[in-house]
């Protein structure tokens, strides 16, 4: 029977219940951005899937590792002795024991339920090596320009997954099949951070894996107003 409230029948809005889902670990790479990272971890540790979160600290000098252990004791922290750049993600993926790994930056996080959605898609599409999510930027949640291009990829649909086949991705908005990612070597250590995704995408395609973009798996990105110095020249170098 429907509940009676205030002189009228009241119908509750349907709710989506997401249960714990340990198929996907989250790897976060960071350097000298303690406060931003702590905010990100608050978002990630509150996800209904209760994923394992692994932070790889690229030799931060601002007490990042200690702050994370104090504020989020359930988060695994690995402090590297040098700045490994994007290859820090590979370190985190090697420590994971889950079949899938979602990446996040120290200023990005995943929407509740999205990791379960991604896990379901990867479970049913064994040829899919990378699932690329819709990335919403800033408090206004505008669609990232990269995703606008990916959504209109000329490569057509993936062979097994209900996804658009693509040849590229933003690293903070992907869930990778761990086995595939590690088999091709992960992110290359000499590329730092800035356009490092392109070579990995080519490596995965060459190994026979598909990359697919889906619109209903969502990640959020709140980038700092002052980008790290040297990023633009590094992106040009990496592209060359």
Protein backbone atom coordinates (compact mmCIF):
# COMPACT_ATOMS: atom_id res chain seq x y z
CA UNK A 1 0.00 0.00 0.00
CA UNK A 2 1.17 3.54 -0.75
CA UNK A 3 1.96 5.74 2.29
CA UNK A 4 -0.60 8.42 3.22
CA UNK A 5 0.93 11.78 4.15
CA UNK A 6 -0.57 15.23 4.73
CA UNK A 7 -4.00 14.46 3.24
CA UNK A 8 -2.72 12.88 0.03
CA UNK A 9 -1.10 9.76 -1.24
CA UNK A 10 2.66 10.12 -1.57
CA UNK A 11 4.70 8.17 -4.13
CA UNK A 12 8.40 7.96 -3.42
CA UNK A 13 10.86 8.68 -6.23
CA UNK A 14 12.70 5.53 -7.36
CA UNK A 15 16.26 5.28 -6.07
CA UNK A 16 19.24 3.45 -7.50
CA UNK A 17 21.04 1.34 -4.95
CA UNK A 18 24.69 0.65 -5.71
CA UNK A 19 26.26 -2.12 -3.67
CA UNK A 20 29.90 -2.67 -2.89
CA UNK A 21 31.84 -3.57 -6.00
CA UNK A 22 35.47 -4.57 -5.64
CA UNK A 23 36.12 -5.35 -9.29
CA UNK A 24 37.81 -1.97 -9.74
CA UNK A 25 40.60 -0.33 -7.77
CA UNK A 26 41.32 3.39 -8.11
CA UNK A 27 44.89 4.62 -8.61
CA UNK A 28 45.62 8.30 -7.94
CA UNK A 29 48.96 9.87 -8.86
CA UNK A 30 49.96 13.13 -7.15
CA UNK A 31 52.80 15.54 -6.47
CA UNK A 32 52.83 18.54 -4.12
CA UNK A 33 49.05 19.07 -4.14
CA UNK A 34 48.10 17.88 -0.70
CA UNK A 35 44.94 19.92 -0.19
CA UNK A 36 43.50 19.11 -3.60
CA UNK A 37 44.30 15.43 -3.10
CA UNK A 38 42.57 15.31 0.29
CA UNK A 39 39.41 16.73 -1.27
CA UNK A 40 39.61 14.15 -4.05
CA UNK A 41 40.04 11.31 -1.57
CA UNK A 42 36.97 12.45 0.35
CA UNK A 43 34.98 12.01 -2.87
CA UNK A 44 36.55 8.68 -3.80
CA UNK A 45 36.25 7.08 -0.35
CA UNK A 46 32.56 7.98 -0.18
CA UNK A 47 31.69 6.07 -3.37
CA UNK A 48 29.03 3.40 -2.80
CA UNK A 49 31.20 0.79 -4.54
CA UNK A 50 33.79 1.13 -1.72
CA UNK A 51 36.75 0.65 -4.06
CA UNK A 52 40.29 0.21 -2.86
CA UNK A 53 42.14 3.50 -3.38
CA UNK A 54 45.90 3.53 -4.03
CA UNK A 55 47.74 6.87 -3.93
CA UNK A 56 51.12 7.03 -5.63
CA UNK A 57 53.00 10.06 -4.32
CA UNK A 58 55.60 11.29 -6.81
CA UNK A 59 58.14 12.45 -4.20
CA UNK A 60 55.98 15.29 -2.86
CA UNK A 61 57.66 17.86 -0.61
CA UNK A 62 54.53 19.13 1.16
CA UNK A 63 53.84 16.25 3.54
CA UNK A 64 51.29 14.61 1.24
CA UNK A 65 51.90 11.02 2.34
CA UNK A 66 51.59 11.80 6.07
CA UNK A 67 48.46 13.92 5.53
CA UNK A 68 46.77 11.12 3.58
CA UNK A 69 47.58 8.51 6.22
CA UNK A 70 46.17 10.78 8.93
CA UNK A 71 42.99 11.81 7.11
CA UNK A 72 42.29 8.59 5.19
CA UNK A 73 43.85 5.61 6.99
CA UNK A 74 42.04 3.14 4.71
CA UNK A 75 43.79 4.54 1.62
CA UNK A 76 47.00 2.82 0.53
CA UNK A 77 49.88 5.28 0.03
CA UNK A 78 53.08 4.60 -1.89
CA UNK A 79 55.71 7.33 -1.70
CA UNK A 80 58.24 7.22 -4.51
CA UNK A 81 61.75 8.53 -4.10
CA UNK A 82 61.58 10.43 -7.38
CA UNK A 83 58.97 12.02 -9.61
CA UNK A 84 57.89 9.21 -11.94
CA UNK A 85 55.25 11.36 -13.67
CA UNK A 86 52.49 9.40 -15.36
CA UNK A 87 54.43 6.16 -14.80
CA UNK A 88 53.33 6.45 -11.18
CA UNK A 89 50.00 5.10 -12.39
CA UNK A 90 51.78 1.97 -13.60
CA UNK A 91 53.28 1.53 -10.12
CA UNK A 92 49.79 1.72 -8.63
CA UNK A 93 48.34 -0.70 -11.18
CA UNK A 94 51.02 -3.26 -10.33
CA UNK A 95 49.99 -3.05 -6.67
CA UNK A 96 46.32 -3.58 -7.52
CA UNK A 97 44.80 -7.04 -7.35
CA UNK A 98 41.51 -6.13 -9.07
CA UNK A 99 40.78 -7.01 -12.70
CA UNK A 100 40.09 -3.35 -13.52
CA UNK A 101 41.84 -0.13 -12.54
CA UNK A 102 40.30 3.33 -12.69
CA UNK A 103 42.67 6.28 -12.78
CA UNK A 104 42.10 9.61 -11.08
CA UNK A 105 44.22 12.72 -10.75
CA UNK A 106 44.55 14.63 -7.49
CA UNK A 107 41.81 16.96 -8.77
CA UNK A 108 39.39 14.44 -10.27
CA UNK A 109 36.99 11.75 -9.06
CA UNK A 110 34.30 9.33 -10.23
CA UNK A 111 30.53 9.64 -10.07
CA UNK A 112 28.70 7.23 -7.73
CA UNK A 113 27.75 4.06 -9.61
CA UNK A 114 30.06 4.71 -12.57
CA UNK A 115 32.66 2.14 -11.54
CA UNK A 116 29.98 -0.55 -11.36
CA UNK A 117 28.70 0.48 -14.80
CA UNK A 118 32.24 0.29 -16.16
CA UNK A 119 32.82 -3.10 -14.56
CA UNK A 120 29.66 -4.51 -16.13
CA UNK A 121 30.70 -3.29 -19.58
CA UNK A 122 34.20 -4.70 -19.26
CA UNK A 123 32.86 -8.01 -17.95
CA UNK A 124 30.74 -8.47 -21.07
CA UNK A 125 33.26 -7.19 -23.62
CA UNK A 126 36.52 -9.18 -23.32
CA UNK A 127 38.07 -7.32 -26.28
CA UNK A 128 37.69 -3.95 -24.54
CA UNK A 129 40.96 -2.88 -22.95
CA UNK A 130 40.03 0.69 -22.00
CA UNK A 131 36.69 2.25 -21.15
CA UNK A 132 36.67 6.04 -21.52
CA UNK A 133 34.13 7.98 -19.44
CA UNK A 134 32.33 11.25 -20.00
CA UNK A 135 34.43 13.89 -18.25
CA UNK A 136 32.68 16.90 -16.71
CA UNK A 137 34.88 19.87 -15.89
CA UNK A 138 34.56 22.40 -13.06
CA UNK A 139 31.64 23.30 -10.80
CA UNK A 140 29.56 24.06 -13.90
CA UNK A 141 30.16 20.48 -15.12
CA UNK A 142 30.85 21.36 -18.74
CA UNK A 143 31.72 18.52 -21.07
CA UNK A 144 35.45 18.23 -21.69
CA UNK A 145 36.33 19.11 -25.30
CA UNK A 146 38.22 15.85 -25.68
CA UNK A 147 35.01 13.92 -24.96
CA UNK A 148 33.13 15.96 -27.55
CA UNK A 149 35.58 14.69 -30.15
CA UNK A 150 35.57 11.12 -28.83
CA UNK A 151 31.77 10.93 -28.96
CA UNK A 152 31.95 11.63 -32.71
CA UNK A 153 34.81 9.27 -33.47
CA UNK A 154 34.84 8.10 -37.11
CA UNK A 155 35.89 4.59 -36.03
CA UNK A 156 32.30 3.50 -35.40
CA UNK A 157 31.10 1.19 -32.64
CA UNK A 158 33.24 -1.29 -30.72
CA UNK A 159 32.89 -4.92 -31.73
CA UNK A 160 31.48 -6.20 -28.42
CA UNK A 161 30.72 -3.24 -26.16
CA UNK A 162 27.96 -0.62 -26.59
CA UNK A 163 30.66 2.03 -26.94
CA UNK A 164 32.21 4.27 -29.58
CA UNK A 165 35.63 3.02 -30.72
CA UNK A 166 38.30 5.65 -30.08
CA UNK A 167 42.06 6.09 -30.29
CA UNK A 168 42.75 8.35 -27.33
CA UNK A 169 41.53 9.34 -23.88
CA UNK A 170 42.09 11.68 -20.92
CA UNK A 171 43.92 9.63 -18.29
CA UNK A 172 41.73 10.80 -15.39
CA UNK A 173 38.59 9.42 -17.06
CA UNK A 174 39.45 5.82 -17.91
CA UNK A 175 38.99 2.37 -16.47
CA UNK A 176 41.56 -0.05 -17.87
CA UNK A 177 41.67 -3.81 -17.97
CA UNK A 178 44.64 -4.30 -15.67
CA UNK A 179 46.02 -7.31 -17.54
CA UNK A 180 46.02 -5.44 -20.85
CA UNK A 181 47.46 -2.26 -19.36
CA UNK A 182 50.39 -4.01 -17.71
CA UNK A 183 51.05 -6.29 -20.69
CA UNK A 184 51.92 -3.28 -22.87
CA UNK A 185 54.03 -1.67 -20.14
CA UNK A 186 51.58 0.95 -18.90
CA UNK A 187 52.56 4.62 -19.12
CA UNK A 188 56.09 5.29 -20.30
CA UNK A 189 58.32 6.82 -17.63
CA UNK A 190 60.04 9.33 -19.94
CA UNK A 191 56.81 11.12 -20.87
CA UNK A 192 56.05 12.77 -17.53
CA UNK A 193 52.51 14.21 -17.41
CA UNK A 194 51.14 15.92 -20.51
CA UNK A 195 49.85 14.04 -23.54
CA UNK A 196 51.21 10.74 -22.21
CA UNK A 197 48.00 8.93 -23.16
CA UNK A 198 48.64 8.87 -26.92
CA UNK A 199 51.46 6.34 -26.93
CA UNK A 200 49.64 4.04 -24.50
CA UNK A 201 46.55 4.12 -26.74
CA UNK A 202 48.67 3.09 -29.73
CA UNK A 203 50.37 0.34 -27.73
CA UNK A 204 47.01 -1.10 -26.70
CA UNK A 205 45.59 -0.93 -30.21
CA UNK A 206 48.70 -2.62 -31.60
CA UNK A 207 48.25 -5.41 -29.05
CA UNK A 208 44.70 -5.99 -30.33
CA UNK A 209 42.70 -4.23 -27.61
CA UNK A 210 39.78 -1.91 -28.25
CA UNK A 211 39.24 1.46 -26.57
CA UNK A 212 35.63 2.55 -26.15
CA UNK A 213 33.94 5.80 -25.12
CA UNK A 214 30.63 5.64 -23.26
CA UNK A 215 28.50 8.58 -22.24
CA UNK A 216 26.80 7.17 -19.15
CA UNK A 217 29.98 6.46 -17.16
CA UNK A 218 31.00 9.78 -15.60
CA UNK A 219 34.09 11.33 -14.04
CA UNK A 220 34.57 14.87 -12.69
CA UNK A 221 37.61 17.10 -13.09
CA UNK A 222 38.22 20.32 -11.15
CA UNK A 223 41.60 21.46 -12.50
CA UNK A 224 43.70 24.10 -10.75
CA UNK A 225 43.57 27.59 -12.22
CA UNK A 226 47.36 27.68 -12.43
CA UNK A 227 48.61 24.71 -14.48
CA UNK A 228 52.00 23.27 -13.67
CA UNK A 229 54.88 25.14 -15.32
CA UNK A 230 56.28 23.51 -18.44
CA UNK A 231 53.18 21.46 -19.22
CA UNK A 232 52.54 22.92 -22.69
CA UNK A 233 56.13 22.44 -23.95
CA UNK A 234 56.09 18.92 -22.49
CA UNK A 235 52.91 18.08 -24.41
CA UNK A 236 54.52 19.26 -27.65
CA UNK A 237 57.64 17.22 -26.89
CA UNK A 238 55.59 14.11 -26.13
CA UNK A 239 53.57 14.51 -29.33
CA UNK A 240 56.78 14.70 -31.37
